[in-house]
Protein backbone atom coordinates (compact mmCIF):
# COMPACT_ATOMS: atom_id res chain seq x y z
CA MET A 1 30.43 -13.46 12.65
CA PRO A 2 30.42 -16.79 14.49
CA ALA A 3 33.05 -19.36 13.61
CA PHE A 4 31.75 -22.17 11.43
CA THR A 5 33.12 -25.61 11.15
CA GLU A 6 33.03 -27.70 8.03
CA LEU A 7 29.57 -28.49 6.73
CA PRO A 8 28.36 -32.04 7.38
CA ALA A 9 28.89 -34.25 4.33
CA THR A 10 25.17 -34.70 3.66
CA VAL A 11 24.54 -30.94 3.73
CA ALA A 12 27.56 -30.26 1.54
CA THR A 13 26.48 -32.89 -0.98
CA GLU A 14 22.79 -31.95 -1.13
CA LEU A 15 23.37 -28.20 -1.17
CA GLY A 16 26.31 -28.57 -3.53
CA ASP A 17 24.14 -30.48 -6.00
CA ARG A 18 21.40 -27.83 -5.87
CA LEU A 19 23.91 -25.00 -6.23
CA LYS A 20 25.44 -26.79 -9.22
CA ASN A 21 22.02 -27.13 -10.82
CA ALA A 22 21.09 -23.50 -10.12
CA THR A 23 24.38 -22.20 -11.54
CA GLU A 24 24.27 -24.44 -14.61
CA ASP A 25 20.61 -23.59 -15.28
CA GLN A 26 21.15 -19.86 -14.49
CA GLU A 27 18.12 -19.91 -12.16
CA MET A 28 17.02 -18.38 -8.89
CA MET A 29 17.58 -20.23 -5.61
CA THR A 30 17.02 -19.70 -1.89
CA VAL A 31 19.25 -21.08 0.85
CA THR A 32 17.98 -20.66 4.38
CA ALA A 33 19.23 -21.66 7.82
CA ASP A 34 18.67 -20.80 11.48
CA SER A 35 21.15 -17.96 11.00
CA ALA A 36 21.65 -15.93 7.85
CA GLN A 37 25.41 -16.13 8.39
CA LEU A 38 25.32 -19.93 8.23
CA ALA A 39 23.43 -19.86 4.93
CA GLU A 40 25.93 -17.36 3.48
CA HIS A 41 28.91 -19.34 4.79
CA ALA A 42 27.59 -22.56 3.25
CA VAL A 43 27.09 -21.02 -0.18
CA ARG A 44 30.45 -19.22 -0.12
CA SER A 45 32.33 -22.33 0.93
CA LEU A 46 30.69 -24.47 -1.76
CA LEU A 47 31.32 -21.90 -4.50
CA ALA A 48 34.88 -21.18 -3.38
CA ASP A 49 36.45 -23.29 -6.12
CA GLY A 50 36.64 -20.22 -8.36
CA ALA A 51 34.63 -21.71 -11.23
CA ALA A 52 32.02 -18.99 -10.71
CA ASP A 53 32.47 -15.25 -10.28
CA LEU A 54 30.69 -14.89 -6.92
CA ILE A 55 29.29 -11.43 -6.30
CA HIS A 56 28.18 -11.17 -2.67
CA VAL A 57 25.81 -8.37 -1.77
CA THR A 58 24.20 -7.54 1.56
CA VAL A 59 21.66 -4.74 1.46
CA ARG A 60 21.42 -2.48 4.48
CA ALA A 61 18.30 -0.81 5.86
CA PRO A 62 15.89 0.32 4.58
CA ALA A 63 16.49 -2.57 2.12
CA ASN A 64 14.27 -1.05 -0.54
CA ARG A 65 14.85 -0.68 -4.30
CA THR A 66 17.20 2.29 -3.86
CA ALA A 67 19.30 0.40 -1.29
CA VAL A 68 19.44 -2.70 -3.53
CA ILE A 69 20.63 -0.64 -6.49
CA GLY A 70 23.21 1.08 -4.29
CA ALA A 71 24.53 -2.26 -2.97
CA LEU A 72 24.66 -3.81 -6.45
CA HIS A 73 26.43 -0.74 -7.85
CA ALA A 74 29.00 -0.80 -5.03
CA ALA A 75 29.66 -4.54 -5.48
CA LEU A 76 29.93 -4.46 -9.26
CA LEU A 77 31.66 -1.09 -9.70
CA PRO A 78 33.74 -0.83 -6.50
CA SER A 79 36.68 1.20 -7.75
CA PRO A 80 37.07 4.40 -5.71
CA GLY A 81 38.23 6.22 -8.87
CA ARG A 82 34.93 5.63 -10.64
CA ARG A 83 31.98 7.94 -10.65
CA PRO A 84 29.63 7.65 -7.72
CA ARG A 85 26.37 5.86 -8.31
CA PRO A 86 24.21 7.90 -10.68
CA ARG A 87 21.39 9.73 -8.95
CA ILE A 88 18.86 8.56 -11.50
CA LEU A 89 18.06 4.94 -10.62
CA SER A 90 17.52 3.87 -14.23
CA GLU A 91 21.06 5.03 -15.08
CA ALA A 92 22.45 3.07 -12.13
CA GLU A 93 20.47 0.00 -13.24
CA GLY A 94 21.96 0.38 -16.73
CA ALA A 95 25.47 0.48 -15.26
CA ILE A 96 24.70 -2.62 -13.16
CA ASP A 97 23.35 -4.48 -16.20
CA ALA A 98 26.45 -3.58 -18.23
CA ALA A 99 28.77 -4.66 -15.39
CA LEU A 100 26.97 -8.02 -15.08
CA ASP A 101 27.15 -8.52 -18.85
CA ARG A 102 30.95 -8.03 -18.74
CA ARG A 103 31.37 -10.83 -16.19
CA THR A 104 32.16 -14.29 -17.52
CA ARG A 105 30.29 -16.49 -15.02
CA PRO A 106 28.59 -14.22 -12.49
CA VAL A 107 26.70 -15.69 -9.57
CA LEU A 108 24.85 -13.06 -7.55
CA MET A 109 24.39 -14.01 -3.90
CA VAL A 110 22.28 -11.70 -1.74
CA GLY A 111 22.73 -12.16 2.00
CA ASP A 112 20.13 -11.46 4.69
CA ALA A 113 17.48 -11.50 1.96
CA GLN A 114 14.72 -11.90 4.55
CA GLN A 115 15.39 -8.26 5.47
CA LEU A 116 14.56 -6.97 1.99
CA ARG A 117 11.39 -5.07 1.38
CA SER A 118 9.11 -6.19 -1.42
CA ASP A 119 10.35 -3.51 -3.83
CA GLY A 120 13.94 -4.56 -3.10
CA LEU A 121 13.19 -8.19 -3.96
CA GLN A 122 11.30 -7.09 -7.07
CA CYS A 123 14.32 -5.02 -8.09
CA LEU A 124 16.60 -8.06 -7.82
CA TYR A 125 14.13 -10.12 -9.82
CA GLY A 126 13.96 -7.37 -12.44
CA THR A 127 17.75 -7.34 -12.76
CA TRP A 128 17.83 -11.12 -13.11
CA ARG A 129 14.93 -11.11 -15.58
CA ALA A 130 16.47 -8.33 -17.71
CA ALA A 131 19.73 -10.29 -17.98
CA THR A 132 17.78 -13.39 -19.00
CA ASP A 133 15.92 -11.37 -21.65
CA ARG A 134 19.30 -10.09 -22.98
CA HIS A 135 20.47 -13.71 -23.22
CA ARG A 136 23.07 -13.08 -20.49
CA PRO A 137 21.45 -15.02 -17.63
CA PHE A 138 23.11 -15.52 -14.27
CA PRO A 139 22.09 -17.44 -11.15
CA LEU A 140 20.59 -15.40 -8.32
CA ILE A 141 20.95 -16.95 -4.87
CA LEU A 142 19.03 -15.44 -1.97
CA THR A 143 20.35 -16.47 1.45
CA GLY A 144 18.85 -15.82 4.85
CA THR A 145 16.81 -17.21 7.68
CA ALA A 146 13.68 -19.32 7.33
CA ARG A 147 11.71 -16.06 7.45
CA LEU A 148 12.73 -15.57 3.80
CA SER A 149 10.21 -18.22 2.76
CA ALA A 150 7.41 -16.29 4.48
CA VAL A 151 8.53 -13.01 2.94
CA LEU A 152 8.44 -14.55 -0.55
CA LYS A 153 4.84 -15.69 0.02
CA ARG A 154 3.58 -12.11 0.04
CA PRO A 155 1.03 -11.73 -2.78
CA VAL A 156 3.00 -8.83 -4.28
CA LEU A 157 5.98 -11.20 -4.69
CA ASP A 158 4.13 -13.99 -6.51
CA SER A 159 6.14 -13.46 -9.71
CA VAL A 160 9.42 -13.57 -7.78
CA ASN A 161 8.46 -16.63 -5.72
CA SER A 162 7.22 -18.54 -8.76
CA ARG A 163 10.62 -18.15 -10.49
CA ILE A 164 12.63 -19.72 -7.66
CA CYS A 165 13.55 -23.12 -9.04
CA TYR A 166 15.74 -24.40 -6.22
CA ARG A 167 15.24 -24.12 -2.47
CA TYR A 168 17.39 -25.54 0.29
CA GLN A 169 17.00 -25.24 4.04
CA ILE A 170 20.00 -26.12 6.15
CA ARG A 171 18.69 -27.99 9.16
CA GLU A 172 20.31 -27.48 12.54
CA LEU A 173 23.91 -28.64 12.44
CA GLY A 174 24.83 -31.23 15.03
CA ASP A 175 27.77 -30.79 17.38
């Protein structure tokens, strides 16, 4: 991962305000930049105060629903002494929901979100929506490159895209 310097004050202030709103409102947000690592670094550094329980997930290829569930399960139930992820996806989703419900102030950040397939993004939305329906909402922050915006414009992702309340694009950082 490249070394990052401190974020410029204007970026830190603007992004910090949007992150604060997204976390207080328990909404979905996208943060994009020229590099996915920069977007992740910015969010992590601005949420590093410990007020939120940041759960960082990066889904590996093929980045479909099964991979998303596997990554969420590993992040939320990481203990090596625990059972492996259930083979039946609905059981794994139930374990993920229960783990999120046990957290005090979870903030789910998904890195490299532009790599996710449509069913993977729909799975994340379904997890967020189910928590909201159970009255245990949490903010969902998707980070990645500017390509994420194009991915979210796919017709099959209309419901996901329409629920994103906050969007922030980090412009090229000056030297």
